[in-house]
Amino acid sequence: MYLRKYPDHIFVLILSLMYLTNIQSMRKLYAYLLDGRIKINNLPSRQTIHYRLKRLSKKKVSKKLKRLFSTLLVIDSSEIRGKKKRLHLLYEAKEKVLLDFEIGNNKEVEHAEVMLEDIEGSILLADRGYWQWEFIEKMKEKMKLYVRPRGRKGEEFMEREINRLIYSKRWEIEWYIERLKQRIKMRGMNERTLKAQITYMLLG
């Protein structure tokens, strides 16, 4: 009942400010708001903000984004320094939008299948790490694949001009990962906080 007096747009505004100011801690952002540099009428308490944001479902946000943007998809993963897990990302290269992410130490294709389960009719770009027969067979029934094979077949794949042109868009996710690591200092951050930070970026 107490939460109902705060409309959703206030929490969206707070998330937007967190993204735009590049403040990674809600405690620091709240101090920033209390300092009066940006005025928000009827500002909820920090505990109320934390409670509301904990209820934010990454899965629901991601599902809506996939409905809006799923034309030219790229998947990739990156090591998280200081952790034994990897960050797996699904990115829309045409609109330059992050659609989904997973954190884990399973095989790349296992995380990819989870992120791609609601998508059909798209183009998918991926590097040699995703060239696994079962994954290829499963995905090619749902979408057009440009996955670079290993070895000599990979060289032949890149000799075709159309493949080179389309596959060049795969670099969009490399650039995004680089920007993401500049924005979020992942080393030393616990997994729950890291998931929350990237979920906020889905909204951003």
N, C-alpha and C. Protein backbone atom coordinates (compact mmCIF):
# COMPACT_ATOMS: atom_id res chain seq x y z
N MET A 1 0.83 -1.20 0.00
CA MET A 1 0.00 0.00 0.00
C MET A 1 0.87 1.26 0.00
N TYR A 2 1.94 1.23 0.78
CA TYR A 2 2.79 2.40 0.91
C TYR A 2 3.46 2.75 -0.43
N LEU A 3 3.77 1.72 -1.23
CA LEU A 3 4.46 1.95 -2.49
C LEU A 3 3.56 2.61 -3.53
N ARG A 4 2.24 2.46 -3.37
CA ARG A 4 1.33 2.94 -4.41
C ARG A 4 1.34 4.45 -4.56
N LYS A 5 1.78 5.17 -3.57
CA LYS A 5 1.76 6.63 -3.69
C LYS A 5 2.90 7.14 -4.58
N TYR A 6 3.81 6.21 -4.96
CA TYR A 6 4.91 6.60 -5.86
C TYR A 6 4.63 6.03 -7.25
N PRO A 7 4.32 6.88 -8.23
CA PRO A 7 4.04 6.38 -9.59
C PRO A 7 5.30 5.79 -10.24
N ASP A 8 5.08 4.93 -11.23
CA ASP A 8 6.18 4.24 -11.89
C ASP A 8 7.17 5.20 -12.53
N HIS A 9 6.69 6.34 -13.03
CA HIS A 9 7.59 7.22 -13.77
C HIS A 9 8.72 7.77 -12.89
N ILE A 10 8.49 7.83 -11.56
CA ILE A 10 9.56 8.29 -10.66
C ILE A 10 10.72 7.30 -10.66
N PHE A 11 10.40 6.01 -10.65
CA PHE A 11 11.45 4.98 -10.63
C PHE A 11 12.15 4.89 -11.99
N VAL A 12 11.40 5.11 -13.06
CA VAL A 12 12.01 5.16 -14.40
C VAL A 12 12.97 6.35 -14.48
N LEU A 13 12.56 7.48 -13.92
CA LEU A 13 13.41 8.66 -13.90
C LEU A 13 14.70 8.41 -13.11
N ILE A 14 14.58 7.75 -11.96
CA ILE A 14 15.75 7.44 -11.14
C ILE A 14 16.70 6.50 -11.88
N LEU A 15 16.15 5.50 -12.56
CA LEU A 15 16.99 4.59 -13.36
C LEU A 15 17.67 5.33 -14.50
N SER A 16 16.94 6.24 -15.14
CA SER A 16 17.51 7.02 -16.24
C SER A 16 18.66 7.89 -15.74
N LEU A 17 18.47 8.49 -14.56
CA LEU A 17 19.54 9.32 -13.98
C LEU A 17 20.76 8.48 -13.63
N MET A 18 20.52 7.29 -13.13
CA MET A 18 21.63 6.39 -12.80
C MET A 18 22.44 6.07 -14.06
N TYR A 19 21.73 5.89 -15.16
CA TYR A 19 22.39 5.58 -16.43
C TYR A 19 23.14 6.80 -16.96
N LEU A 20 22.50 7.97 -16.95
CA LEU A 20 23.08 9.17 -17.54
C LEU A 20 24.24 9.74 -16.73
N THR A 21 24.15 9.63 -15.40
CA THR A 21 25.21 10.18 -14.56
C THR A 21 26.36 9.19 -14.37
N ASN A 22 26.14 7.94 -14.80
CA ASN A 22 27.13 6.87 -14.65
C ASN A 22 27.50 6.66 -13.18
N ILE A 23 26.53 6.85 -12.28
CA ILE A 23 26.72 6.55 -10.86
C ILE A 23 26.28 5.11 -10.65
N GLN A 24 27.18 4.25 -10.18
CA GLN A 24 26.89 2.82 -10.13
C GLN A 24 26.29 2.37 -8.81
N SER A 25 26.32 3.21 -7.79
CA SER A 25 25.79 2.85 -6.49
C SER A 25 24.50 3.63 -6.22
N MET A 26 23.45 2.93 -5.79
CA MET A 26 22.21 3.62 -5.46
C MET A 26 22.40 4.55 -4.27
N ARG A 27 23.27 4.17 -3.34
CA ARG A 27 23.58 5.02 -2.19
C ARG A 27 24.16 6.37 -2.65
N LYS A 28 25.11 6.31 -3.61
CA LYS A 28 25.73 7.53 -4.12
C LYS A 28 24.74 8.36 -4.93
N LEU A 29 23.90 7.67 -5.72
CA LEU A 29 22.90 8.40 -6.50
C LEU A 29 21.91 9.10 -5.58
N TYR A 30 21.52 8.43 -4.52
CA TYR A 30 20.55 9.02 -3.60
C TYR A 30 21.15 10.25 -2.91
N ALA A 31 22.43 10.17 -2.53
CA ALA A 31 23.11 11.32 -1.94
C ALA A 31 23.17 12.47 -2.95
N TYR A 32 23.38 12.11 -4.22
CA TYR A 32 23.42 13.10 -5.30
C TYR A 32 22.07 13.82 -5.42
N LEU A 33 20.99 13.05 -5.31
CA LEU A 33 19.65 13.64 -5.40
C LEU A 33 19.32 14.48 -4.17
N LEU A 34 19.71 14.01 -2.99
CA LEU A 34 19.46 14.77 -1.76
C LEU A 34 20.24 16.09 -1.74
N ASP A 35 21.37 16.09 -2.44
CA ASP A 35 22.20 17.30 -2.53
C ASP A 35 21.49 18.40 -3.31
N GLY A 36 20.42 18.03 -4.02
CA GLY A 36 19.60 19.04 -4.70
C GLY A 36 20.07 19.42 -6.07
N ARG A 37 21.08 18.71 -6.60
CA ARG A 37 21.55 19.06 -7.95
C ARG A 37 20.50 18.74 -9.01
N ILE A 38 19.71 17.72 -8.76
CA ILE A 38 18.55 17.42 -9.60
C ILE A 38 17.36 17.26 -8.66
N LYS A 39 16.32 18.00 -8.91
CA LYS A 39 15.17 18.02 -8.02
C LYS A 39 14.11 17.01 -8.47
N ILE A 40 13.73 16.09 -7.56
CA ILE A 40 12.62 15.17 -7.81
C ILE A 40 11.60 15.36 -6.70
N ASN A 41 10.43 15.83 -7.08
CA ASN A 41 9.37 16.00 -6.09
C ASN A 41 8.89 14.65 -5.58
N ASN A 42 8.56 14.57 -4.30
CA ASN A 42 8.04 13.34 -3.70
C ASN A 42 9.03 12.19 -3.87
N LEU A 43 10.30 12.46 -3.57
CA LEU A 43 11.35 11.44 -3.71
C LEU A 43 11.14 10.32 -2.70
N PRO A 44 11.05 9.05 -3.15
CA PRO A 44 10.90 7.94 -2.21
C PRO A 44 12.16 7.77 -1.36
N SER A 45 12.05 7.03 -0.27
CA SER A 45 13.23 6.73 0.53
C SER A 45 14.14 5.78 -0.25
N ARG A 46 15.40 5.71 0.15
CA ARG A 46 16.34 4.81 -0.53
C ARG A 46 15.89 3.37 -0.38
N GLN A 47 15.33 3.00 0.79
CA GLN A 47 14.85 1.63 1.01
C GLN A 47 13.69 1.29 0.07
N THR A 48 12.81 2.28 -0.16
CA THR A 48 11.67 2.06 -1.06
C THR A 48 12.15 1.87 -2.50
N ILE A 49 13.15 2.66 -2.90
CA ILE A 49 13.70 2.52 -4.25
C ILE A 49 14.32 1.14 -4.42
N HIS A 50 15.11 0.71 -3.44
CA HIS A 50 15.73 -0.61 -3.50
C HIS A 50 14.67 -1.70 -3.60
N TYR A 51 13.60 -1.57 -2.82
CA TYR A 51 12.55 -2.59 -2.81
C TYR A 51 11.89 -2.67 -4.19
N ARG A 52 11.57 -1.50 -4.76
CA ARG A 52 10.89 -1.50 -6.06
C ARG A 52 11.80 -2.05 -7.16
N LEU A 53 13.07 -1.67 -7.12
CA LEU A 53 13.98 -2.11 -8.18
C LEU A 53 14.32 -3.59 -8.08
N LYS A 54 14.27 -4.14 -6.84
CA LYS A 54 14.50 -5.58 -6.69
C LYS A 54 13.42 -6.38 -7.40
N ARG A 55 12.24 -5.77 -7.53
CA ARG A 55 11.13 -6.46 -8.17
C ARG A 55 11.16 -6.33 -9.69
N LEU A 56 12.15 -5.59 -10.19
CA LEU A 56 12.29 -5.43 -11.63
C LEU A 56 12.74 -6.75 -12.25
N SER A 57 11.98 -7.27 -13.19
CA SER A 57 12.27 -8.56 -13.80
C SER A 57 13.08 -8.37 -15.08
N LYS A 58 14.32 -8.85 -15.05
CA LYS A 58 15.16 -8.78 -16.24
C LYS A 58 14.51 -9.54 -17.39
N LYS A 59 13.89 -10.67 -17.06
CA LYS A 59 13.29 -11.51 -18.10
C LYS A 59 12.15 -10.79 -18.81
N LYS A 60 11.32 -10.08 -18.05
CA LYS A 60 10.19 -9.36 -18.65
C LYS A 60 10.67 -8.20 -19.51
N VAL A 61 11.66 -7.45 -18.99
CA VAL A 61 12.21 -6.32 -19.75
C VAL A 61 12.82 -6.83 -21.05
N SER A 62 13.60 -7.91 -20.95
CA SER A 62 14.26 -8.47 -22.12
C SER A 62 13.25 -8.97 -23.15
N LYS A 63 12.18 -9.59 -22.68
CA LYS A 63 11.18 -10.14 -23.59
C LYS A 63 10.51 -9.03 -24.41
N LYS A 64 10.26 -7.90 -23.75
CA LYS A 64 9.65 -6.76 -24.47
C LYS A 64 10.62 -6.18 -25.48
N LEU A 65 11.90 -6.09 -25.12
CA LEU A 65 12.91 -5.57 -26.04
C LEU A 65 13.04 -6.47 -27.26
N LYS A 66 12.98 -7.78 -27.05
CA LYS A 66 13.10 -8.72 -28.17
C LYS A 66 11.93 -8.57 -29.14
N ARG A 67 10.76 -8.25 -28.62
CA ARG A 67 9.60 -8.03 -29.49
C ARG A 67 9.79 -6.79 -30.35
N LEU A 68 10.45 -5.78 -29.79
CA LEU A 68 10.65 -4.52 -30.50
C LEU A 68 11.83 -4.57 -31.47
N PHE A 69 12.93 -5.20 -31.03
CA PHE A 69 14.17 -5.18 -31.82
C PHE A 69 14.73 -6.59 -31.94
N SER A 70 14.54 -7.23 -33.07
CA SER A 70 15.13 -8.56 -33.27
C SER A 70 15.36 -8.80 -34.75
N THR A 71 16.12 -7.92 -35.40
CA THR A 71 16.37 -8.07 -36.83
C THR A 71 17.75 -8.66 -37.08
N LEU A 72 18.80 -7.96 -36.60
CA LEU A 72 20.18 -8.38 -36.83
C LEU A 72 20.84 -8.61 -35.47
N LEU A 73 20.87 -9.87 -35.05
CA LEU A 73 21.33 -10.21 -33.71
C LEU A 73 22.78 -10.68 -33.70
N VAL A 74 23.48 -10.34 -32.62
CA VAL A 74 24.85 -10.80 -32.42
C VAL A 74 24.95 -11.37 -31.01
N ILE A 75 25.60 -12.53 -30.88
CA ILE A 75 25.86 -13.09 -29.55
C ILE A 75 27.36 -13.21 -29.35
N ASP A 76 27.77 -13.03 -28.10
CA ASP A 76 29.17 -13.17 -27.76
C ASP A 76 29.28 -13.27 -26.24
N SER A 77 30.47 -13.62 -25.78
CA SER A 77 30.70 -13.66 -24.33
C SER A 77 32.06 -13.06 -24.03
N SER A 78 32.23 -12.64 -22.78
CA SER A 78 33.48 -12.00 -22.37
C SER A 78 33.81 -12.41 -20.95
N GLU A 79 35.08 -12.58 -20.69
CA GLU A 79 35.53 -12.94 -19.34
C GLU A 79 35.31 -11.78 -18.39
N ILE A 80 34.87 -12.09 -17.18
CA ILE A 80 34.74 -11.07 -16.13
C ILE A 80 35.97 -11.21 -15.23
N ARG A 81 36.83 -10.24 -15.26
CA ARG A 81 38.07 -10.32 -14.48
C ARG A 81 37.77 -10.43 -12.99
N GLY A 82 38.48 -11.33 -12.34
CA GLY A 82 38.28 -11.52 -10.90
C GLY A 82 37.19 -12.51 -10.58
N LYS A 83 36.52 -13.06 -11.62
CA LYS A 83 35.46 -14.05 -11.41
C LYS A 83 35.74 -15.27 -12.28
N LYS A 84 35.13 -16.39 -11.93
CA LYS A 84 35.30 -17.60 -12.72
C LYS A 84 34.15 -17.78 -13.69
N LYS A 85 33.39 -16.71 -13.92
CA LYS A 85 32.24 -16.78 -14.81
C LYS A 85 32.43 -15.81 -15.97
N ARG A 86 31.60 -16.00 -16.98
CA ARG A 86 31.65 -15.13 -18.16
C ARG A 86 30.33 -14.38 -18.31
N LEU A 87 30.41 -13.24 -18.96
CA LEU A 87 29.23 -12.44 -19.27
C LEU A 87 28.83 -12.76 -20.71
N HIS A 88 27.62 -13.26 -20.90
CA HIS A 88 27.10 -13.64 -22.21
C HIS A 88 26.06 -12.59 -22.63
N LEU A 89 26.19 -12.07 -23.85
CA LEU A 89 25.34 -10.97 -24.28
C LEU A 89 24.64 -11.27 -25.59
N LEU A 90 23.39 -10.77 -25.71
CA LEU A 90 22.64 -10.78 -26.97
C LEU A 90 22.40 -9.32 -27.35
N TYR A 91 22.89 -8.93 -28.52
CA TYR A 91 22.90 -7.52 -28.93
C TYR A 91 22.23 -7.38 -30.28
N GLU A 92 21.49 -6.28 -30.47
CA GLU A 92 20.86 -5.98 -31.76
C GLU A 92 21.76 -4.99 -32.48
N ALA A 93 22.43 -5.46 -33.54
CA ALA A 93 23.46 -4.65 -34.20
C ALA A 93 22.89 -3.54 -35.06
N LYS A 94 21.67 -3.71 -35.56
CA LYS A 94 21.07 -2.68 -36.41
C LYS A 94 20.66 -1.45 -35.60
N GLU A 95 19.97 -1.70 -34.48
CA GLU A 95 19.48 -0.61 -33.64
C GLU A 95 20.44 -0.28 -32.49
N LYS A 96 21.50 -1.10 -32.34
CA LYS A 96 22.50 -0.90 -31.28
C LYS A 96 21.85 -0.93 -29.88
N VAL A 97 21.15 -2.04 -29.62
CA VAL A 97 20.41 -2.20 -28.36
C VAL A 97 20.80 -3.52 -27.72
N LEU A 98 21.10 -3.50 -26.42
CA LEU A 98 21.31 -4.74 -25.66
C LEU A 98 19.94 -5.36 -25.40
N LEU A 99 19.78 -6.64 -25.75
CA LEU A 99 18.49 -7.31 -25.60
C LEU A 99 18.43 -8.26 -24.41
N ASP A 100 19.54 -8.91 -24.09
CA ASP A 100 19.52 -9.89 -23.00
C ASP A 100 20.96 -10.18 -22.59
N PHE A 101 21.10 -10.76 -21.41
CA PHE A 101 22.42 -11.16 -20.94
C PHE A 101 22.28 -12.31 -19.94
N GLU A 102 23.35 -13.06 -19.79
CA GLU A 102 23.44 -14.14 -18.81
C GLU A 102 24.82 -14.07 -18.18
N ILE A 103 24.92 -14.45 -16.92
CA ILE A 103 26.22 -14.56 -16.25
C ILE A 103 26.35 -16.01 -15.80
N GLY A 104 27.40 -16.69 -16.25
CA GLY A 104 27.56 -18.09 -15.86
C GLY A 104 28.80 -18.70 -16.46
N ASN A 105 29.07 -19.94 -16.08
CA ASN A 105 30.25 -20.64 -16.58
C ASN A 105 29.88 -21.85 -17.43
N ASN A 106 28.63 -21.90 -17.89
CA ASN A 106 28.23 -22.96 -18.82
C ASN A 106 28.82 -22.70 -20.19
N LYS A 107 28.66 -23.65 -21.10
CA LYS A 107 29.13 -23.47 -22.47
C LYS A 107 28.41 -22.28 -23.11
N GLU A 108 29.12 -21.60 -24.02
CA GLU A 108 28.54 -20.42 -24.68
C GLU A 108 27.21 -20.72 -25.35
N VAL A 109 27.13 -21.89 -26.02
CA VAL A 109 25.90 -22.22 -26.76
C VAL A 109 24.72 -22.46 -25.82
N GLU A 110 24.98 -22.94 -24.61
CA GLU A 110 23.90 -23.17 -23.65
C GLU A 110 23.26 -21.84 -23.23
N HIS A 111 24.09 -20.84 -22.95
CA HIS A 111 23.55 -19.52 -22.61
C HIS A 111 22.88 -18.89 -23.84
N ALA A 112 23.46 -19.11 -25.02
CA ALA A 112 22.88 -18.56 -26.25
C ALA A 112 21.47 -19.10 -26.48
N GLU A 113 21.28 -20.38 -26.27
CA GLU A 113 19.96 -20.98 -26.47
C GLU A 113 18.92 -20.37 -25.55
N VAL A 114 19.30 -20.08 -24.30
CA VAL A 114 18.38 -19.45 -23.35
C VAL A 114 18.00 -18.06 -23.84
N MET A 115 18.98 -17.28 -24.28
CA MET A 115 18.71 -15.90 -24.71
C MET A 115 17.92 -15.84 -26.01
N LEU A 116 18.02 -16.89 -26.83
CA LEU A 116 17.38 -16.88 -28.15
C LEU A 116 16.06 -17.64 -28.19
N GLU A 117 15.61 -18.17 -27.06
CA GLU A 117 14.46 -19.09 -27.08
C GLU A 117 13.16 -18.43 -27.54
N ASP A 118 12.99 -17.11 -27.37
CA ASP A 118 11.73 -16.46 -27.76
C ASP A 118 11.80 -15.80 -29.13
N ILE A 119 12.87 -16.02 -29.89
CA ILE A 119 13.10 -15.27 -31.12
C ILE A 119 13.03 -16.18 -32.34
N GLU A 120 12.37 -15.68 -33.38
CA GLU A 120 12.31 -16.39 -34.66
C GLU A 120 12.37 -15.38 -35.79
N GLY A 121 12.89 -15.83 -36.95
CA GLY A 121 12.88 -15.00 -38.15
C GLY A 121 13.94 -13.93 -38.21
N SER A 122 14.94 -13.96 -37.33
CA SER A 122 16.00 -12.96 -37.31
C SER A 122 17.23 -13.47 -38.05
N ILE A 123 18.21 -12.58 -38.20
CA ILE A 123 19.54 -12.96 -38.67
C ILE A 123 20.44 -13.00 -37.45
N LEU A 124 21.23 -14.06 -37.32
CA LEU A 124 22.11 -14.23 -36.16
C LEU A 124 23.57 -14.30 -36.60
N LEU A 125 24.41 -13.46 -35.99
CA LEU A 125 25.85 -13.46 -36.25
C LEU A 125 26.58 -13.97 -35.02
N ALA A 126 27.57 -14.83 -35.24
CA ALA A 126 28.33 -15.36 -34.11
C ALA A 126 29.71 -15.82 -34.59
N ASP A 127 30.67 -15.83 -33.68
CA ASP A 127 32.02 -16.24 -34.04
C ASP A 127 32.19 -17.75 -33.90
N ARG A 128 33.44 -18.22 -34.03
CA ARG A 128 33.73 -19.66 -34.07
C ARG A 128 33.35 -20.41 -32.80
N GLY A 129 33.28 -19.67 -31.67
CA GLY A 129 32.94 -20.32 -30.41
C GLY A 129 31.54 -20.93 -30.40
N TYR A 130 30.68 -20.49 -31.33
CA TYR A 130 29.30 -20.98 -31.39
C TYR A 130 29.11 -22.01 -32.52
N TRP A 131 30.21 -22.38 -33.19
CA TRP A 131 30.11 -23.36 -34.26
C TRP A 131 30.09 -24.76 -33.65
N GLN A 132 28.91 -25.14 -33.16
CA GLN A 132 28.69 -26.48 -32.62
C GLN A 132 27.45 -27.06 -33.30
N TRP A 133 27.59 -28.27 -33.77
CA TRP A 133 26.60 -28.83 -34.69
C TRP A 133 25.18 -28.81 -34.13
N GLU A 134 24.98 -29.26 -32.90
CA GLU A 134 23.63 -29.30 -32.33
C GLU A 134 23.02 -27.91 -32.26
N PHE A 135 23.82 -26.93 -31.87
CA PHE A 135 23.34 -25.54 -31.79
C PHE A 135 22.97 -25.02 -33.17
N ILE A 136 23.83 -25.26 -34.16
CA ILE A 136 23.58 -24.80 -35.52
C ILE A 136 22.28 -25.41 -36.06
N GLU A 137 22.12 -26.73 -35.87
CA GLU A 137 20.93 -27.41 -36.37
C GLU A 137 19.65 -26.88 -35.72
N LYS A 138 19.72 -26.61 -34.44
CA LYS A 138 18.55 -26.12 -33.71
C LYS A 138 18.20 -24.69 -34.12
N MET A 139 19.20 -23.83 -34.24
CA MET A 139 18.95 -22.42 -34.54
C MET A 139 18.56 -22.16 -35.99
N LYS A 140 19.08 -22.98 -36.91
CA LYS A 140 18.80 -22.70 -38.33
C LYS A 140 17.35 -22.96 -38.69
N GLU A 141 16.62 -23.66 -37.83
CA GLU A 141 15.18 -23.86 -38.05
C GLU A 141 14.40 -22.60 -37.70
N LYS A 142 15.01 -21.73 -36.88
CA LYS A 142 14.31 -20.53 -36.39
C LYS A 142 14.76 -19.24 -37.06
N MET A 143 16.02 -19.21 -37.56
CA MET A 143 16.56 -17.95 -38.08
C MET A 143 17.67 -18.21 -39.08
N LYS A 144 18.05 -17.14 -39.79
CA LYS A 144 19.15 -17.20 -40.75
C LYS A 144 20.46 -17.04 -39.99
N LEU A 145 21.41 -17.97 -40.20
CA LEU A 145 22.65 -17.96 -39.43
C LEU A 145 23.86 -17.52 -40.26
N TYR A 146 24.67 -16.68 -39.65
CA TYR A 146 26.00 -16.35 -40.18
C TYR A 146 26.98 -16.62 -39.05
N VAL A 147 27.28 -17.89 -38.83
CA VAL A 147 28.21 -18.31 -37.78
C VAL A 147 29.48 -18.78 -38.47
N ARG A 148 30.58 -18.14 -38.15
CA ARG A 148 31.84 -18.47 -38.82
C ARG A 148 32.36 -19.83 -38.37
N PRO A 149 32.54 -20.77 -39.31
CA PRO A 149 33.05 -22.10 -38.94
C PRO A 149 34.51 -22.04 -38.50
N ARG A 150 34.98 -23.13 -37.99
CA ARG A 150 36.39 -23.24 -37.59
C ARG A 150 37.24 -23.68 -38.79
N GLY A 151 38.53 -23.41 -38.69
CA GLY A 151 39.50 -23.91 -39.65
C GLY A 151 39.31 -23.42 -41.08
N ARG A 152 39.56 -24.32 -42.04
CA ARG A 152 39.52 -23.98 -43.46
C ARG A 152 38.15 -23.50 -43.89
N LYS A 153 37.10 -24.11 -43.33
CA LYS A 153 35.73 -23.69 -43.70
C LYS A 153 35.48 -22.23 -43.30
N GLY A 154 36.11 -21.80 -42.20
CA GLY A 154 35.98 -20.41 -41.78
C GLY A 154 36.61 -19.46 -42.77
N GLU A 155 37.74 -19.86 -43.34
CA GLU A 155 38.41 -19.04 -44.35
C GLU A 155 37.55 -18.95 -45.61
N GLU A 156 36.96 -20.08 -46.00
CA GLU A 156 36.09 -20.09 -47.18
C GLU A 156 34.85 -19.23 -46.94
N PHE A 157 34.33 -19.30 -45.73
CA PHE A 157 33.16 -18.49 -45.35
C PHE A 157 33.46 -17.00 -45.55
N MET A 158 34.65 -16.56 -45.12
CA MET A 158 35.00 -15.14 -45.21
C MET A 158 35.41 -14.71 -46.61
N GLU A 159 35.63 -15.66 -47.51
CA GLU A 159 35.97 -15.32 -48.89
C GLU A 159 34.75 -14.82 -49.66
N ARG A 160 33.57 -15.18 -49.21
CA ARG A 160 32.35 -14.74 -49.88
C ARG A 160 32.03 -13.30 -49.46
N GLU A 161 31.87 -12.43 -50.43
CA GLU A 161 31.71 -11.00 -50.15
C GLU A 161 30.47 -10.72 -49.30
N ILE A 162 29.36 -11.39 -49.61
CA ILE A 162 28.13 -11.15 -48.85
C ILE A 162 28.32 -11.53 -47.39
N ASN A 163 29.04 -12.63 -47.15
CA ASN A 163 29.32 -13.05 -45.77
C ASN A 163 30.18 -12.02 -45.05
N ARG A 164 31.20 -11.50 -45.74
CA ARG A 164 32.08 -10.49 -45.12
C ARG A 164 31.30 -9.24 -44.75
N LEU A 165 30.42 -8.81 -45.64
CA LEU A 165 29.65 -7.58 -45.39
C LEU A 165 28.73 -7.74 -44.19
N ILE A 166 28.01 -8.86 -44.14
CA ILE A 166 27.07 -9.08 -43.04
C ILE A 166 27.83 -9.36 -41.75
N TYR A 167 28.87 -10.19 -41.84
CA TYR A 167 29.61 -10.59 -40.64
C TYR A 167 30.37 -9.43 -40.01
N SER A 168 30.68 -8.39 -40.82
CA SER A 168 31.38 -7.22 -40.28
C SER A 168 30.56 -6.54 -39.18
N LYS A 169 29.24 -6.71 -39.21
CA LYS A 169 28.38 -6.11 -38.17
C LYS A 169 28.57 -6.78 -36.82
N ARG A 170 29.24 -7.97 -36.81
CA ARG A 170 29.49 -8.64 -35.54
C ARG A 170 30.37 -7.80 -34.62
N TRP A 171 31.17 -6.91 -35.21
CA TRP A 171 32.05 -6.08 -34.40
C TRP A 171 31.27 -5.12 -33.51
N GLU A 172 29.99 -4.90 -33.82
CA GLU A 172 29.17 -4.01 -32.98
C GLU A 172 29.16 -4.50 -31.53
N ILE A 173 29.09 -5.81 -31.34
CA ILE A 173 29.04 -6.32 -29.97
C ILE A 173 30.40 -6.20 -29.28
N GLU A 174 31.49 -6.30 -30.04
CA GLU A 174 32.82 -6.12 -29.46
C GLU A 174 32.96 -4.70 -28.92
N TRP A 175 32.51 -3.74 -29.71
CA TRP A 175 32.57 -2.33 -29.29
C TRP A 175 31.66 -2.10 -28.08
N TYR A 176 30.50 -2.76 -28.09
CA TYR A 176 29.58 -2.59 -26.96
C TYR A 176 30.19 -3.13 -25.67
N ILE A 177 30.81 -4.31 -25.74
CA ILE A 177 31.43 -4.90 -24.56
C ILE A 177 32.54 -3.99 -24.03
N GLU A 178 33.30 -3.40 -24.93
CA GLU A 178 34.36 -2.48 -24.51
C GLU A 178 33.78 -1.27 -23.78
N ARG A 179 32.70 -0.71 -24.32
CA ARG A 179 32.05 0.45 -23.66
C ARG A 179 31.45 0.03 -22.32
N LEU A 180 30.86 -1.17 -22.29
CA LEU A 180 30.23 -1.67 -21.06
C LEU A 180 31.26 -1.79 -19.94
N LYS A 181 32.43 -2.31 -20.26
CA LYS A 181 33.47 -2.49 -19.25
C LYS A 181 34.07 -1.16 -18.79
N GLN A 182 33.99 -0.16 -19.65
CA GLN A 182 34.42 1.18 -19.24
C GLN A 182 33.40 1.80 -18.30
N ARG A 183 32.14 1.49 -18.54
CA ARG A 183 31.05 2.10 -17.77
C ARG A 183 30.86 1.42 -16.42
N ILE A 184 30.97 0.10 -16.40
CA ILE A 184 30.76 -0.65 -15.16
C ILE A 184 32.08 -1.29 -14.74
N LYS A 185 32.55 -0.97 -13.57
CA LYS A 185 33.78 -1.55 -13.05
C LYS A 185 33.45 -2.92 -12.45
N MET A 186 33.56 -3.96 -13.27
CA MET A 186 33.07 -5.29 -12.89
C MET A 186 33.96 -5.98 -11.87
N ARG A 187 35.24 -5.68 -11.90
CA ARG A 187 36.18 -6.36 -10.99
C ARG A 187 35.82 -6.02 -9.54
N GLY A 188 35.63 -7.06 -8.74
CA GLY A 188 35.31 -6.85 -7.33
C GLY A 188 33.83 -6.65 -7.05
N MET A 189 33.01 -6.46 -8.09
CA MET A 189 31.57 -6.26 -7.90
C MET A 189 30.90 -7.62 -7.72
N ASN A 190 30.03 -7.76 -6.71
CA ASN A 190 29.37 -9.05 -6.53
C ASN A 190 28.37 -9.29 -7.66
N GLU A 191 28.05 -10.55 -7.87
CA GLU A 191 27.24 -10.93 -9.04
C GLU A 191 25.84 -10.32 -9.01
N ARG A 192 25.25 -10.24 -7.84
CA ARG A 192 23.90 -9.66 -7.73
C ARG A 192 23.90 -8.20 -8.16
N THR A 193 24.90 -7.43 -7.71
CA THR A 193 24.99 -6.02 -8.09
C THR A 193 25.26 -5.88 -9.57
N LEU A 194 26.13 -6.75 -10.11
CA LEU A 194 26.44 -6.69 -11.53
C LEU A 194 25.20 -6.96 -12.37
N LYS A 195 24.40 -7.95 -11.98
CA LYS A 195 23.16 -8.25 -12.70
C LYS A 195 22.22 -7.05 -12.66
N ALA A 196 22.13 -6.41 -11.49
CA ALA A 196 21.26 -5.23 -11.35
C ALA A 196 21.73 -4.11 -12.26
N GLN A 197 23.05 -3.86 -12.29
CA GLN A 197 23.60 -2.79 -13.11
C GLN A 197 23.30 -3.00 -14.59
N ILE A 198 23.47 -4.23 -15.08
CA ILE A 198 23.23 -4.48 -16.51
C ILE A 198 21.74 -4.49 -16.81
N THR A 199 20.93 -4.90 -15.85
CA THR A 199 19.47 -4.80 -16.03
C THR A 199 19.05 -3.34 -16.18
N TYR A 200 19.64 -2.44 -15.37
CA TYR A 200 19.35 -1.02 -15.51
C TYR A 200 19.72 -0.54 -16.92
N MET A 201 20.83 -1.11 -17.47
CA MET A 201 21.26 -0.70 -18.80
C MET A 201 20.31 -1.21 -19.88
N LEU A 202 19.62 -2.32 -19.63
CA LEU A 202 18.58 -2.76 -20.57
C LEU A 202 17.53 -1.67 -20.72
N LEU A 203 17.15 -1.08 -19.58
CA LEU A 203 16.18 0.01 -19.61
C LEU A 203 16.78 1.25 -20.24
N GLY A 204 18.08 1.51 -19.90
CA GLY A 204 18.75 2.69 -20.45
C GLY A 204 18.79 2.68 -21.96
